[in-house]
N, C-alpha and C. Protein backbone atom coordinates (compact mmCIF):
# COMPACT_ATOMS: atom_id res chain seq x y z
N UNK A 1 0.84 -1.18 0.00
CA UNK A 1 0.00 0.00 0.00
C UNK A 1 0.89 1.25 0.00
N UNK A 2 0.79 2.13 -0.97
CA UNK A 2 1.60 3.33 -1.02
C UNK A 2 1.26 4.28 0.14
N UNK A 3 2.29 4.91 0.67
CA UNK A 3 2.10 5.88 1.75
C UNK A 3 2.69 7.20 1.29
N UNK A 4 1.93 8.27 1.40
CA UNK A 4 2.38 9.57 0.92
C UNK A 4 3.45 10.19 1.80
N UNK A 5 4.26 11.00 1.17
CA UNK A 5 5.30 11.77 1.84
C UNK A 5 4.67 12.84 2.72
N UNK A 6 5.26 13.10 3.90
CA UNK A 6 4.84 14.27 4.64
C UNK A 6 5.87 15.36 4.41
N UNK A 7 5.67 16.53 4.99
CA UNK A 7 6.53 17.67 4.67
C UNK A 7 7.97 17.49 5.10
N UNK A 8 8.24 16.61 6.07
CA UNK A 8 9.61 16.38 6.53
C UNK A 8 10.19 15.09 5.99
N UNK A 9 9.65 14.57 4.90
CA UNK A 9 10.08 13.29 4.38
C UNK A 9 9.09 12.24 4.85
N UNK A 10 9.42 10.99 4.62
CA UNK A 10 8.52 9.91 5.02
C UNK A 10 8.58 9.73 6.53
N UNK A 11 7.44 9.51 7.13
CA UNK A 11 7.37 9.34 8.58
C UNK A 11 7.69 7.91 8.97
N UNK A 12 8.02 7.73 10.24
CA UNK A 12 8.23 6.38 10.75
C UNK A 12 6.95 5.57 10.66
N UNK A 13 5.82 6.23 10.85
CA UNK A 13 4.54 5.52 10.74
C UNK A 13 4.35 4.94 9.34
N UNK A 14 4.80 5.67 8.31
CA UNK A 14 4.70 5.16 6.94
C UNK A 14 5.54 3.89 6.79
N UNK A 15 6.74 3.90 7.35
CA UNK A 15 7.60 2.71 7.28
C UNK A 15 7.01 1.57 8.12
N UNK A 16 6.52 1.91 9.32
CA UNK A 16 5.93 0.90 10.19
C UNK A 16 4.74 0.23 9.51
N UNK A 17 3.90 1.04 8.89
CA UNK A 17 2.72 0.51 8.20
C UNK A 17 3.12 -0.39 7.04
N UNK A 18 4.09 0.05 6.25
CA UNK A 18 4.54 -0.75 5.11
C UNK A 18 5.18 -2.05 5.58
N UNK A 19 5.89 -2.01 6.71
CA UNK A 19 6.56 -3.22 7.22
C UNK A 19 5.55 -4.28 7.63
N UNK A 20 4.35 -3.89 8.00
CA UNK A 20 3.34 -4.87 8.38
C UNK A 20 2.68 -5.51 7.17
N UNK A 21 2.95 -4.97 5.98
CA UNK A 21 2.26 -5.44 4.78
C UNK A 21 3.10 -6.34 3.90
N UNK A 22 4.35 -6.57 4.26
CA UNK A 22 5.18 -7.41 3.41
C UNK A 22 6.48 -7.76 4.10
N UNK A 23 7.35 -8.45 3.37
CA UNK A 23 8.63 -8.89 3.90
C UNK A 23 9.69 -7.80 3.84
N UNK A 24 9.51 -6.84 2.95
CA UNK A 24 10.49 -5.77 2.83
C UNK A 24 9.80 -4.48 2.48
N UNK A 25 10.53 -3.40 2.63
CA UNK A 25 10.01 -2.07 2.38
C UNK A 25 10.96 -1.38 1.43
N UNK A 26 10.40 -0.72 0.42
CA UNK A 26 11.24 0.06 -0.48
C UNK A 26 10.54 1.38 -0.77
N UNK A 27 11.32 2.35 -1.14
CA UNK A 27 10.81 3.67 -1.50
C UNK A 27 11.13 3.88 -2.96
N UNK A 28 10.16 4.34 -3.71
CA UNK A 28 10.43 4.66 -5.10
C UNK A 28 9.97 6.08 -5.37
N UNK A 29 10.64 6.73 -6.28
CA UNK A 29 10.27 8.09 -6.65
C UNK A 29 9.24 7.99 -7.77
N UNK A 30 8.16 8.71 -7.60
CA UNK A 30 7.12 8.78 -8.62
C UNK A 30 6.94 10.24 -8.97
N UNK A 31 6.17 10.55 -9.98
CA UNK A 31 5.92 11.96 -10.28
C UNK A 31 5.34 12.72 -9.09
N UNK A 32 4.64 12.01 -8.21
CA UNK A 32 4.07 12.65 -7.02
C UNK A 32 5.03 12.65 -5.84
N UNK A 33 6.22 12.10 -5.98
CA UNK A 33 7.18 12.03 -4.87
C UNK A 33 7.35 10.59 -4.40
N UNK A 34 8.17 10.39 -3.38
CA UNK A 34 8.44 9.03 -2.89
C UNK A 34 7.19 8.37 -2.31
N UNK A 35 7.14 7.06 -2.45
CA UNK A 35 6.07 6.27 -1.85
C UNK A 35 6.70 5.00 -1.28
N UNK A 36 6.25 4.59 -0.11
CA UNK A 36 6.71 3.34 0.48
C UNK A 36 5.84 2.23 -0.07
N UNK A 37 6.48 1.15 -0.53
CA UNK A 37 5.74 0.03 -1.11
C UNK A 37 6.12 -1.25 -0.39
N UNK A 38 5.16 -2.13 -0.20
CA UNK A 38 5.41 -3.42 0.45
C UNK A 38 5.78 -4.44 -0.61
N UNK A 39 6.59 -5.42 -0.22
CA UNK A 39 6.95 -6.51 -1.11
C UNK A 39 6.74 -7.80 -0.34
N UNK A 40 6.39 -8.85 -1.03
CA UNK A 40 6.17 -10.12 -0.35
C UNK A 40 5.96 -11.25 -1.32
N UNK A 41 5.27 -12.29 -0.87
CA UNK A 41 5.02 -13.46 -1.68
C UNK A 41 3.53 -13.76 -1.69
N UNK A 42 3.09 -14.30 -2.80
CA UNK A 42 1.71 -14.78 -2.87
C UNK A 42 1.66 -16.11 -2.15
N UNK A 43 0.45 -16.63 -1.86
CA UNK A 43 0.37 -17.94 -1.20
C UNK A 43 1.07 -19.05 -2.00
N UNK A 44 1.19 -18.89 -3.32
CA UNK A 44 1.87 -19.91 -4.12
C UNK A 44 3.38 -19.76 -4.09
N UNK A 45 3.88 -18.71 -3.39
CA UNK A 45 5.32 -18.52 -3.28
C UNK A 45 5.91 -17.57 -4.29
N UNK A 46 5.09 -17.00 -5.14
CA UNK A 46 5.56 -16.08 -6.16
C UNK A 46 5.89 -14.73 -5.53
N UNK A 47 7.09 -14.19 -5.84
CA UNK A 47 7.49 -12.88 -5.34
C UNK A 47 6.66 -11.79 -6.02
N UNK A 48 6.15 -10.85 -5.24
CA UNK A 48 5.40 -9.74 -5.81
C UNK A 48 5.89 -8.45 -5.16
N UNK A 49 5.73 -7.37 -5.91
CA UNK A 49 6.10 -6.05 -5.40
C UNK A 49 5.06 -5.05 -5.88
N UNK A 50 4.67 -4.17 -5.00
CA UNK A 50 3.71 -3.13 -5.34
C UNK A 50 4.49 -1.84 -5.58
N UNK A 51 4.64 -1.50 -6.85
CA UNK A 51 5.42 -0.31 -7.19
C UNK A 51 4.63 0.55 -8.16
N UNK A 52 5.00 1.80 -8.19
CA UNK A 52 4.39 2.74 -9.13
C UNK A 52 5.06 2.58 -10.49
N UNK A 53 4.31 2.63 -11.57
CA UNK A 53 4.93 2.56 -12.90
C UNK A 53 5.89 3.73 -13.12
N UNK A 54 6.91 3.49 -13.89
CA UNK A 54 7.90 4.51 -14.23
C UNK A 54 8.56 5.14 -13.01
N UNK A 55 8.73 4.36 -11.97
CA UNK A 55 9.36 4.91 -10.77
C UNK A 55 10.88 4.76 -10.85
N UNK A 56 11.57 5.62 -10.14
CA UNK A 56 13.02 5.59 -10.08
C UNK A 56 13.40 5.17 -8.67
N UNK A 57 14.24 4.14 -8.52
CA UNK A 57 14.61 3.64 -7.21
C UNK A 57 15.43 4.67 -6.45
N UNK A 58 15.25 4.69 -5.16
CA UNK A 58 16.00 5.59 -4.28
C UNK A 58 16.62 4.79 -3.16
N UNK A 59 17.27 5.47 -2.26
CA UNK A 59 17.94 4.83 -1.13
C UNK A 59 16.96 4.71 0.04
N UNK A 60 16.24 3.62 0.08
CA UNK A 60 15.24 3.38 1.12
C UNK A 60 15.85 3.45 2.51
N UNK A 61 17.02 2.84 2.68
CA UNK A 61 17.65 2.81 3.99
C UNK A 61 17.97 4.23 4.46
N UNK A 62 18.51 5.05 3.58
CA UNK A 62 18.87 6.42 3.95
C UNK A 62 17.61 7.22 4.31
N UNK A 63 16.55 7.04 3.55
CA UNK A 63 15.30 7.75 3.84
C UNK A 63 14.73 7.27 5.17
N UNK A 64 14.80 5.97 5.43
CA UNK A 64 14.33 5.44 6.71
C UNK A 64 15.16 5.98 7.87
N UNK A 65 16.47 6.00 7.72
CA UNK A 65 17.33 6.50 8.80
C UNK A 65 17.05 7.98 9.09
N UNK A 66 16.74 8.75 8.05
CA UNK A 66 16.38 10.15 8.25
C UNK A 66 15.07 10.25 9.02
N UNK A 67 14.11 9.41 8.68
CA UNK A 67 12.83 9.40 9.40
C UNK A 67 13.05 8.99 10.86
N UNK A 68 13.94 8.03 11.09
CA UNK A 68 14.26 7.59 12.44
C UNK A 68 14.87 8.73 13.25
N UNK A 69 15.80 9.46 12.64
CA UNK A 69 16.42 10.60 13.33
C UNK A 69 15.42 11.72 13.54
N UNK A 70 14.51 11.93 12.60
CA UNK A 70 13.48 12.95 12.79
C UNK A 70 12.59 12.60 13.98
N UNK A 71 12.32 11.32 14.17
CA UNK A 71 11.44 10.89 15.24
C UNK A 71 12.11 10.73 16.59
N UNK A 72 13.38 10.32 16.59
CA UNK A 72 14.06 9.99 17.84
C UNK A 72 15.33 10.78 18.10
N UNK A 73 15.68 11.68 17.23
CA UNK A 73 16.90 12.46 17.41
C UNK A 73 18.10 11.79 16.78
N UNK A 74 19.11 12.59 16.50
CA UNK A 74 20.27 12.07 15.79
C UNK A 74 21.07 11.07 16.63
N UNK A 75 21.18 11.31 17.93
CA UNK A 75 21.97 10.41 18.77
C UNK A 75 21.39 9.00 18.76
N UNK A 76 20.09 8.89 18.99
CA UNK A 76 19.44 7.57 18.99
C UNK A 76 19.45 6.98 17.58
N UNK A 77 19.12 7.78 16.58
CA UNK A 77 19.09 7.30 15.20
C UNK A 77 20.44 6.75 14.75
N UNK A 78 21.50 7.46 15.07
CA UNK A 78 22.84 7.01 14.68
C UNK A 78 23.25 5.75 15.44
N UNK A 79 22.89 5.68 16.72
CA UNK A 79 23.22 4.49 17.51
C UNK A 79 22.50 3.26 16.97
N UNK A 80 21.23 3.41 16.64
CA UNK A 80 20.47 2.29 16.08
C UNK A 80 21.05 1.86 14.74
N UNK A 81 21.36 2.81 13.88
CA UNK A 81 21.94 2.49 12.57
C UNK A 81 23.25 1.73 12.74
N UNK A 82 24.08 2.20 13.67
CA UNK A 82 25.37 1.55 13.91
C UNK A 82 25.17 0.13 14.45
N UNK A 83 24.27 -0.02 15.42
CA UNK A 83 24.03 -1.32 16.04
C UNK A 83 23.48 -2.34 15.05
N UNK A 84 22.60 -1.89 14.17
CA UNK A 84 22.00 -2.80 13.19
C UNK A 84 22.78 -2.88 11.88
N UNK A 85 23.83 -2.09 11.76
CA UNK A 85 24.63 -2.11 10.54
C UNK A 85 23.89 -1.54 9.34
N UNK A 86 23.02 -0.57 9.58
CA UNK A 86 22.27 0.05 8.49
C UNK A 86 23.07 1.19 7.88
N UNK A 87 23.24 1.15 6.59
CA UNK A 87 23.94 2.21 5.88
C UNK A 87 23.33 2.35 4.49
N UNK A 88 23.77 3.35 3.80
CA UNK A 88 23.25 3.64 2.47
C UNK A 88 23.27 2.40 1.58
N UNK A 89 22.13 2.14 0.92
CA UNK A 89 22.02 0.98 0.04
C UNK A 89 21.05 1.32 -1.09
N UNK A 90 21.49 2.15 -2.04
CA UNK A 90 20.59 2.56 -3.13
C UNK A 90 19.99 1.36 -3.87
N UNK A 91 18.74 1.51 -4.23
CA UNK A 91 17.99 0.52 -5.01
C UNK A 91 17.72 -0.79 -4.29
N UNK A 92 18.02 -0.86 -3.01
CA UNK A 92 17.78 -2.09 -2.27
C UNK A 92 16.68 -1.86 -1.24
N UNK A 93 15.76 -2.81 -1.13
CA UNK A 93 14.71 -2.68 -0.12
C UNK A 93 15.28 -2.92 1.28
N UNK A 94 14.56 -2.48 2.26
CA UNK A 94 14.91 -2.67 3.66
C UNK A 94 13.95 -3.73 4.19
N UNK A 95 14.47 -4.74 4.88
CA UNK A 95 13.57 -5.79 5.34
C UNK A 95 12.60 -5.23 6.39
N UNK A 96 11.40 -5.78 6.37
CA UNK A 96 10.39 -5.36 7.34
C UNK A 96 10.91 -5.60 8.76
N UNK A 97 11.64 -6.68 8.94
CA UNK A 97 12.21 -6.98 10.27
C UNK A 97 13.18 -5.90 10.70
N UNK A 98 14.01 -5.40 9.79
CA UNK A 98 14.95 -4.34 10.14
C UNK A 98 14.21 -3.06 10.54
N UNK A 99 13.15 -2.74 9.82
CA UNK A 99 12.36 -1.55 10.15
C UNK A 99 11.79 -1.69 11.55
N UNK A 100 11.14 -2.83 11.81
CA UNK A 100 10.53 -3.05 13.12
C UNK A 100 11.58 -3.07 14.23
N UNK A 101 12.70 -3.73 13.99
CA UNK A 101 13.77 -3.83 14.98
C UNK A 101 14.36 -2.45 15.28
N UNK A 102 14.58 -1.65 14.25
CA UNK A 102 15.14 -0.31 14.45
C UNK A 102 14.19 0.57 15.25
N UNK A 103 12.91 0.50 14.94
CA UNK A 103 11.94 1.32 15.68
C UNK A 103 11.85 0.85 17.13
N UNK A 104 11.88 -0.46 17.36
CA UNK A 104 11.85 -0.99 18.72
C UNK A 104 13.09 -0.54 19.50
N UNK A 105 14.25 -0.59 18.87
CA UNK A 105 15.48 -0.16 19.54
C UNK A 105 15.44 1.33 19.87
N UNK A 106 14.96 2.13 18.94
CA UNK A 106 14.87 3.57 19.17
C UNK A 106 13.90 3.88 20.30
N UNK A 107 12.77 3.18 20.31
CA UNK A 107 11.78 3.38 21.37
C UNK A 107 12.36 2.98 22.73
N UNK A 108 13.07 1.86 22.76
CA UNK A 108 13.70 1.41 24.00
C UNK A 108 14.76 2.41 24.47
N UNK A 109 15.53 2.95 23.54
CA UNK A 109 16.55 3.95 23.91
C UNK A 109 15.90 5.19 24.49
N UNK A 110 14.85 5.66 23.85
CA UNK A 110 14.16 6.84 24.37
C UNK A 110 13.57 6.56 25.75
N UNK A 111 13.04 5.39 25.94
CA UNK A 111 12.50 5.00 27.24
C UNK A 111 13.60 4.98 28.30
N UNK A 112 14.76 4.46 27.93
CA UNK A 112 15.89 4.44 28.86
C UNK A 112 16.32 5.86 29.21
N UNK A 113 16.42 6.72 28.20
CA UNK A 113 16.79 8.11 28.47
C UNK A 113 15.76 8.77 29.37
N UNK A 114 14.50 8.46 29.15
CA UNK A 114 13.43 9.03 29.97
C UNK A 114 13.60 8.62 31.43
N UNK A 115 13.91 7.35 31.66
CA UNK A 115 14.13 6.87 33.03
C UNK A 115 15.34 7.50 33.68
N UNK A 116 16.43 7.58 32.93
CA UNK A 116 17.64 8.21 33.47
C UNK A 116 17.40 9.69 33.75
N UNK A 117 16.69 10.34 32.85
CA UNK A 117 16.40 11.76 33.04
C UNK A 117 15.48 11.99 34.23
N UNK A 118 14.56 11.07 34.46
CA UNK A 118 13.69 11.16 35.64
C UNK A 118 14.54 11.16 36.90
N UNK A 119 15.54 10.30 36.93
CA UNK A 119 16.42 10.24 38.10
C UNK A 119 17.17 11.56 38.27
N UNK A 120 17.67 12.12 37.19
CA UNK A 120 18.39 13.40 37.29
C UNK A 120 17.46 14.50 37.79
N UNK A 121 16.23 14.54 37.27
CA UNK A 121 15.27 15.55 37.71
C UNK A 121 14.96 15.39 39.20
N UNK A 122 14.74 14.16 39.60
CA UNK A 122 14.38 13.87 40.99
C UNK A 122 15.52 14.24 41.94
N UNK A 123 16.73 13.94 41.54
CA UNK A 123 17.89 14.22 42.40
C UNK A 123 18.13 15.71 42.56
N UNK A 124 17.57 16.53 41.68
CA UNK A 124 17.76 17.98 41.76
C UNK A 124 16.48 18.72 42.16
N UNK A 125 15.49 18.02 42.65
CA UNK A 125 14.21 18.63 42.97
C UNK A 125 14.34 19.71 44.05
N UNK A 126 13.82 20.89 43.72
CA UNK A 126 13.80 21.98 44.71
C UNK A 126 12.67 21.75 45.71
N UNK A 127 11.51 21.35 45.24
CA UNK A 127 10.34 21.16 46.10
C UNK A 127 10.57 20.14 47.20
N UNK A 128 11.35 19.12 46.90
CA UNK A 128 11.63 18.11 47.92
C UNK A 128 12.91 18.42 48.70
N UNK A 129 13.51 19.55 48.41
CA UNK A 129 14.77 19.96 49.06
C UNK A 129 15.80 18.83 49.01
N UNK A 130 15.98 18.30 47.81
CA UNK A 130 16.93 17.20 47.61
C UNK A 130 18.34 17.61 48.03
N UNK A 131 19.15 16.62 48.28
CA UNK A 131 20.53 16.87 48.68
C UNK A 131 21.30 17.66 47.61
N UNK A 132 21.11 17.30 46.36
CA UNK A 132 21.78 18.02 45.26
C UNK A 132 21.33 19.48 45.21
N UNK A 133 20.03 19.71 45.40
CA UNK A 133 19.51 21.08 45.40
C UNK A 133 20.11 21.87 46.57
N UNK A 134 20.18 21.26 47.72
CA UNK A 134 20.77 21.92 48.91
C UNK A 134 22.23 22.31 48.65
N UNK A 135 22.99 21.39 48.02
CA UNK A 135 24.39 21.69 47.70
C UNK A 135 24.51 22.89 46.77
N UNK A 136 23.65 22.95 45.77
CA UNK A 136 23.70 24.08 44.83
C UNK A 136 23.35 25.38 45.55
N UNK A 137 22.38 25.32 46.43
CA UNK A 137 22.01 26.51 47.21
C UNK A 137 23.19 26.96 48.07
N UNK A 138 23.88 26.02 48.67
CA UNK A 138 25.05 26.36 49.49
C UNK A 138 26.13 27.06 48.65
N UNK A 139 26.33 26.58 47.42
CA UNK A 139 27.29 27.24 46.52
C UNK A 139 26.92 28.69 46.28
N UNK A 140 25.62 28.95 46.24
CA UNK A 140 25.14 30.31 45.97
C UNK A 140 24.91 31.10 47.25
N UNK A 141 25.27 30.51 48.39
CA UNK A 141 25.09 31.16 49.70
C UNK A 141 23.62 31.44 49.99
N UNK A 142 22.77 30.46 49.67
CA UNK A 142 21.33 30.56 49.88
C UNK A 142 20.94 29.47 50.88
N UNK A 143 20.13 29.84 51.87
CA UNK A 143 19.61 28.85 52.81
C UNK A 143 18.30 28.30 52.24
N UNK A 144 18.31 27.05 51.74
CA UNK A 144 17.12 26.51 51.09
C UNK A 144 15.92 26.36 52.04
N UNK A 145 16.19 26.22 53.33
CA UNK A 145 15.09 26.06 54.29
C UNK A 145 14.27 27.34 54.44
N UNK A 146 14.79 28.46 53.98
CA UNK A 146 14.07 29.73 54.08
C UNK A 146 13.25 30.04 52.82
N UNK A 147 13.29 29.15 51.84
CA UNK A 147 12.53 29.35 50.62
C UNK A 147 11.14 28.74 50.80
N UNK A 148 10.10 29.50 50.47
CA UNK A 148 8.75 28.96 50.63
C UNK A 148 8.40 28.03 49.46
N UNK A 149 7.31 27.28 49.63
CA UNK A 149 6.94 26.25 48.65
C UNK A 149 6.64 26.85 47.27
N UNK A 150 6.11 28.06 47.24
CA UNK A 150 5.82 28.70 45.94
C UNK A 150 7.11 28.98 45.17
N UNK A 151 8.11 29.49 45.84
CA UNK A 151 9.40 29.77 45.20
C UNK A 151 10.06 28.46 44.75
N UNK A 152 9.99 27.44 45.60
CA UNK A 152 10.56 26.14 45.24
C UNK A 152 9.88 25.57 44.00
N UNK A 153 8.55 25.71 43.93
CA UNK A 153 7.81 25.23 42.76
C UNK A 153 8.20 26.03 41.52
N UNK A 154 8.43 27.33 41.64
CA UNK A 154 8.85 28.15 40.51
C UNK A 154 10.24 27.74 40.03
N UNK A 155 11.12 27.45 40.98
CA UNK A 155 12.47 26.99 40.62
C UNK A 155 12.37 25.67 39.86
N UNK A 156 11.55 24.74 40.38
CA UNK A 156 11.38 23.45 39.70
C UNK A 156 10.81 23.64 38.30
N UNK A 157 9.83 24.52 38.14
CA UNK A 157 9.22 24.76 36.82
C UNK A 157 10.25 25.34 35.85
N UNK A 158 11.06 26.28 36.32
CA UNK A 158 12.11 26.88 35.48
C UNK A 158 13.13 25.80 35.09
N UNK A 159 13.53 25.01 36.08
CA UNK A 159 14.48 23.92 35.83
C UNK A 159 13.91 22.93 34.81
N UNK A 160 12.63 22.58 34.96
CA UNK A 160 11.99 21.64 34.05
C UNK A 160 12.04 22.13 32.61
N UNK A 161 11.78 23.41 32.40
CA UNK A 161 11.84 23.98 31.04
C UNK A 161 13.25 23.88 30.48
N UNK A 162 14.23 24.22 31.28
CA UNK A 162 15.63 24.15 30.83
C UNK A 162 16.03 22.70 30.54
N UNK A 163 15.60 21.81 31.42
CA UNK A 163 15.93 20.39 31.28
C UNK A 163 15.29 19.81 30.02
N UNK A 164 14.01 20.14 29.81
CA UNK A 164 13.31 19.63 28.62
C UNK A 164 13.96 20.12 27.33
N UNK A 165 14.41 21.37 27.33
CA UNK A 165 15.08 21.90 26.15
C UNK A 165 16.40 21.16 25.91
N UNK A 166 17.14 20.92 26.98
CA UNK A 166 18.44 20.24 26.85
C UNK A 166 18.26 18.78 26.44
N UNK A 167 17.23 18.12 26.95
CA UNK A 167 17.03 16.70 26.66
C UNK A 167 16.24 16.48 25.38
N UNK A 168 15.74 17.55 24.79
CA UNK A 168 14.94 17.47 23.56
C UNK A 168 13.79 16.48 23.73
N UNK A 169 13.10 16.62 24.86
CA UNK A 169 11.97 15.72 25.11
C UNK A 169 12.40 14.30 25.39
N UNK A 170 13.47 14.13 26.12
CA UNK A 170 14.04 12.83 26.48
C UNK A 170 14.66 12.09 25.30
N UNK A 171 15.07 12.82 24.27
CA UNK A 171 15.81 12.20 23.18
C UNK A 171 17.31 12.18 23.48
N UNK A 172 17.70 12.92 24.51
CA UNK A 172 19.09 12.94 24.98
C UNK A 172 19.11 12.66 26.47
N UNK A 173 20.12 11.95 26.94
CA UNK A 173 20.28 11.72 28.38
C UNK A 173 20.98 12.93 28.99
N UNK A 174 20.41 13.42 30.09
CA UNK A 174 21.02 14.53 30.82
C UNK A 174 21.46 13.99 32.17
N UNK A 175 22.77 13.85 32.35
CA UNK A 175 23.28 13.34 33.62
C UNK A 175 23.37 14.48 34.63
N UNK A 176 23.75 14.16 35.86
CA UNK A 176 23.82 15.17 36.92
C UNK A 176 24.84 16.27 36.60
N UNK A 177 25.94 15.90 35.99
CA UNK A 177 26.96 16.90 35.65
C UNK A 177 26.38 17.96 34.71
N UNK A 178 25.55 17.53 33.78
CA UNK A 178 24.91 18.45 32.84
C UNK A 178 23.71 19.15 33.46
N UNK A 179 23.00 18.46 34.35
CA UNK A 179 21.78 19.01 34.95
C UNK A 179 22.07 20.06 36.03
N UNK A 180 23.17 19.93 36.75
CA UNK A 180 23.46 20.89 37.83
C UNK A 180 23.50 22.34 37.34
N UNK A 181 24.20 22.65 36.25
CA UNK A 181 24.20 24.04 35.78
C UNK A 181 22.80 24.53 35.37
N UNK A 182 21.96 23.61 34.91
CA UNK A 182 20.59 23.98 34.56
C UNK A 182 19.83 24.40 35.81
N UNK A 183 20.01 23.64 36.91
CA UNK A 183 19.35 24.00 38.17
C UNK A 183 19.95 25.28 38.74
N UNK A 184 21.25 25.44 38.65
CA UNK A 184 21.87 26.69 39.12
C UNK A 184 21.27 27.89 38.39
N UNK A 185 21.13 27.77 37.10
CA UNK A 185 20.55 28.88 36.31
C UNK A 185 19.10 29.12 36.72
N UNK A 186 18.35 28.06 37.01
CA UNK A 186 16.95 28.21 37.44
C UNK A 186 16.87 28.91 38.79
N UNK A 187 17.75 28.51 39.72
CA UNK A 187 17.76 29.15 41.04
C UNK A 187 18.07 30.64 40.89
N UNK A 188 19.11 30.93 40.13
CA UNK A 188 19.51 32.33 39.94
C UNK A 188 18.42 33.14 39.24
N UNK A 189 17.75 32.55 38.28
CA UNK A 189 16.70 33.25 37.55
C UNK A 189 15.51 33.56 38.46
N UNK A 190 15.18 32.64 39.35
CA UNK A 190 14.03 32.83 40.21
C UNK A 190 14.33 33.68 41.45
N UNK A 191 15.56 33.69 41.88
CA UNK A 191 15.91 34.45 43.09
C UNK A 191 16.66 35.74 42.77
N UNK A 192 16.83 35.98 41.48
CA UNK A 192 17.42 37.24 41.02
C UNK A 192 18.83 37.36 41.38
């Protein structure tokens, strides 16, 4: 089943959908732009491919990797490509298994980053007066016990915005070394 291009290239959903329809996925250029096509076998074992007439073959793997990076960020996309050995392969289809495996790996990586980032956020919580938050306050000569809950919540909200921008929505892992300056900036911004 052909899937239309979106404005940023083919989406991961287009690849995911095509992977469920056949053994491999390929992209061909048509007068209307690239389309993902499924390939497989008939019940009698005959190989079949659903392609547009007069199409020009393109690099399906490269287009898929770009869609993966658009969806999961360059760090995750590059790691998945490296782990699965995916590289440019003009005129060659990408197996449905590779598409599914790459998306599963990217999703698992993002989930792992999300968990690690949760720990970094929690360890720097102003509202809970975490040990890391107290240390940062001491560096700034601020007594955290004198800050009311509203100010602590504002510091956490400021920190959350900075953290989300740095992690690109959990597409990047933010460790404590990277997160501490973000909290310092939030404290300074809220306490002037």
